Amino acid sequence: MALMSRKVDYALLILSELDRHPGGCARAVAERFGLGRPFVANILKTLCRSGLVSSQRGVRGGYAIARPLEFVSLSDLMEALDEPIRLAECTGSPGPEGCPLADACPVRGPVAEVHRRLCDVLRGVSLAELVRPAGRAVVLAER
């Protein structure tokens, strides 16, 4: 079980490409990574709705990153593309879809603490850290 969905993984690739080449189109991004154009277009549409990416139609149109990636966390991206993060049923919202053993469970508290720590880590990682690895800045500066 992967914590990051395929959609989030590909969104990181797309954001990385847009960070390097603003104004890109779904077709070009799809070709660059060998992905299906409809899947890339769907992710871009979701990123636009969440305000992470902007789009412009027309001959000079394309997609561009709308918010500084330094201020967007991996958690923000994951929640924009998927459901809210939850480690276990009992760390989700309470109610009928929650765990029926929640009231009697002796590990509920520790599991909730692990969930909190995991969320803190995901909130502490900016998308800039992921799409601009430290070595890349050095390589670009040497040109």
Protein backbone atom coordinates (compact mmCIF):
# COMPACT_ATOMS: atom_id res chain seq x y z
CA MET A 1 0.00 0.00 0.00
CA ALA A 2 1.46 3.29 -1.07
CA LEU A 3 0.72 6.39 0.96
CA MET A 4 0.99 8.58 -2.14
CA SER A 5 -1.48 7.70 -4.86
CA ARG A 6 -0.45 7.46 -8.49
CA LYS A 7 -2.36 10.69 -9.07
CA VAL A 8 -0.24 12.55 -6.47
CA ASP A 9 2.95 10.99 -7.82
CA TYR A 10 2.14 12.15 -11.35
CA ALA A 11 1.03 15.57 -10.08
CA LEU A 12 4.54 16.00 -8.67
CA LEU A 13 5.99 15.15 -12.10
CA ILE A 14 3.63 17.63 -13.74
CA LEU A 15 4.46 20.38 -11.24
CA SER A 16 8.16 19.69 -11.72
CA GLU A 17 7.78 20.11 -15.47
CA LEU A 18 5.72 23.31 -15.09
CA ASP A 19 8.29 24.66 -12.66
CA ARG A 20 10.98 24.20 -15.33
CA HIS A 21 8.81 25.13 -18.32
CA PRO A 22 5.86 27.41 -17.44
CA GLY A 23 3.15 27.56 -20.08
CA GLY A 24 3.33 23.87 -20.93
CA CYS A 25 0.36 21.99 -22.30
CA ALA A 26 -1.09 18.66 -21.20
CA ARG A 27 0.06 16.98 -24.42
CA ALA A 28 3.68 18.05 -23.98
CA VAL A 29 3.75 17.00 -20.33
CA ALA A 30 2.17 13.64 -21.18
CA GLU A 31 4.69 13.01 -23.95
CA ARG A 32 7.63 14.04 -21.75
CA PHE A 33 6.80 11.36 -19.16
CA GLY A 34 5.04 8.79 -21.35
CA LEU A 35 1.69 9.31 -19.62
CA GLY A 36 -1.81 9.33 -21.05
CA ARG A 37 -2.88 12.81 -22.12
CA PRO A 38 -6.40 12.45 -20.65
CA PHE A 39 -4.93 11.46 -17.28
CA VAL A 40 -2.52 14.43 -17.30
CA ALA A 41 -5.35 16.76 -18.37
CA ASN A 42 -7.52 15.46 -15.52
CA ILE A 43 -4.76 16.08 -12.96
CA LEU A 44 -4.13 19.58 -14.38
CA LYS A 45 -7.85 20.34 -14.16
CA THR A 46 -7.89 19.30 -10.49
CA LEU A 47 -4.73 21.35 -9.81
CA CYS A 48 -6.42 24.37 -11.42
CA ARG A 49 -9.56 23.91 -9.29
CA SER A 50 -7.41 23.75 -6.15
CA GLY A 51 -5.56 26.96 -7.12
CA LEU A 52 -2.14 25.33 -7.44
CA VAL A 53 -2.01 25.78 -11.21
CA SER A 54 -3.51 28.37 -13.54
CA SER A 55 -4.44 27.91 -17.17
CA GLN A 56 -4.68 30.21 -20.12
CA ARG A 57 -6.44 29.30 -23.34
CA GLY A 58 -5.32 30.15 -26.82
CA VAL A 59 -2.23 29.99 -28.97
CA ARG A 60 -0.04 31.43 -26.23
CA GLY A 61 -1.93 29.49 -23.58
CA GLY A 62 -0.87 26.70 -21.32
CA TYR A 63 -0.49 25.86 -17.65
CA ALA A 64 1.65 27.57 -15.03
CA ILE A 65 2.16 27.20 -11.31
CA ALA A 66 -0.14 29.70 -9.57
CA ARG A 67 1.26 29.68 -6.01
CA PRO A 68 4.87 29.66 -4.84
CA LEU A 69 5.73 26.00 -4.25
CA GLU A 70 7.66 26.98 -1.12
CA PHE A 71 4.29 27.69 0.53
CA VAL A 72 2.44 24.56 -0.61
CA SER A 73 2.95 21.38 1.39
CA LEU A 74 2.89 17.80 0.24
CA SER A 75 -0.13 17.41 2.50
CA ASP A 76 -1.91 20.24 0.61
CA LEU A 77 -1.28 18.47 -2.70
CA MET A 78 -2.37 15.08 -1.40
CA GLU A 79 -5.59 16.49 -0.01
CA ALA A 80 -6.30 18.47 -3.20
CA LEU A 81 -6.08 15.31 -5.31
CA ASP A 82 -7.31 12.61 -2.93
CA GLU A 83 -9.39 12.26 0.19
CA PRO A 84 -8.01 13.58 3.47
CA ILE A 85 -5.08 11.56 4.78
CA ARG A 86 -5.86 9.00 7.43
CA LEU A 87 -3.65 6.30 8.81
CA ALA A 88 -6.51 4.08 9.99
CA GLU A 89 -10.31 4.08 10.12
CA CYS A 90 -10.23 5.47 13.66
CA THR A 91 -8.15 8.48 12.58
CA GLY A 92 -10.82 9.51 10.10
CA SER A 93 -13.97 11.37 10.88
CA PRO A 94 -16.11 9.89 13.66
CA GLY A 95 -19.45 8.46 12.70
CA PRO A 96 -20.97 5.39 11.08
CA GLU A 97 -18.06 4.94 8.64
CA GLY A 98 -15.53 4.94 11.49
CA CYS A 99 -14.26 1.88 13.31
CA PRO A 100 -16.96 0.10 15.35
CA LEU A 101 -14.35 -0.82 18.00
CA ALA A 102 -13.11 2.75 18.50
CA ASP A 103 -14.56 3.13 22.00
CA ALA A 104 -12.99 -0.09 23.32
CA CYS A 105 -9.73 -0.08 21.32
CA PRO A 106 -6.56 -0.01 23.47
CA VAL A 107 -4.33 1.20 20.58
CA ARG A 108 -6.55 4.00 19.31
CA GLY A 109 -4.56 6.72 21.15
CA PRO A 110 -1.12 5.55 19.97
CA VAL A 111 -2.39 5.13 16.40
CA ALA A 112 -3.83 8.64 16.53
CA GLU A 113 -0.42 9.92 17.69
CA VAL A 114 1.33 8.21 14.75
CA HIS A 115 -1.29 9.74 12.44
CA ARG A 116 -0.62 13.20 13.90
CA ARG A 117 3.14 12.82 13.44
CA LEU A 118 2.73 11.61 9.87
CA CYS A 119 0.49 14.57 9.04
CA ASP A 120 3.04 16.93 10.62
CA VAL A 121 5.78 15.49 8.39
CA LEU A 122 3.64 15.81 5.26
CA ARG A 123 2.73 19.40 6.18
CA GLY A 124 6.43 20.15 6.78
CA VAL A 125 7.57 19.19 3.27
CA SER A 126 7.11 21.90 0.65
CA LEU A 127 6.52 21.06 -2.98
CA ALA A 128 9.57 23.19 -3.80
CA GLU A 129 11.71 20.69 -1.88
CA LEU A 130 10.34 17.88 -4.00
CA VAL A 131 10.33 19.42 -7.47
CA ARG A 132 13.59 21.34 -7.03
CA PRO A 133 16.06 18.92 -5.48
CA ALA A 134 19.08 20.61 -3.91
CA GLY A 135 21.45 19.38 -6.61
CA ARG A 136 19.34 20.82 -9.42
CA ALA A 137 19.87 24.42 -8.32
CA VAL A 138 23.65 23.89 -8.39
CA VAL A 139 23.53 22.37 -11.88
CA LEU A 140 21.48 25.28 -13.22
CA ALA A 141 23.83 27.81 -11.59
CA GLU A 142 26.88 26.24 -13.26
CA ARG A 143 25.56 26.75 -16.79
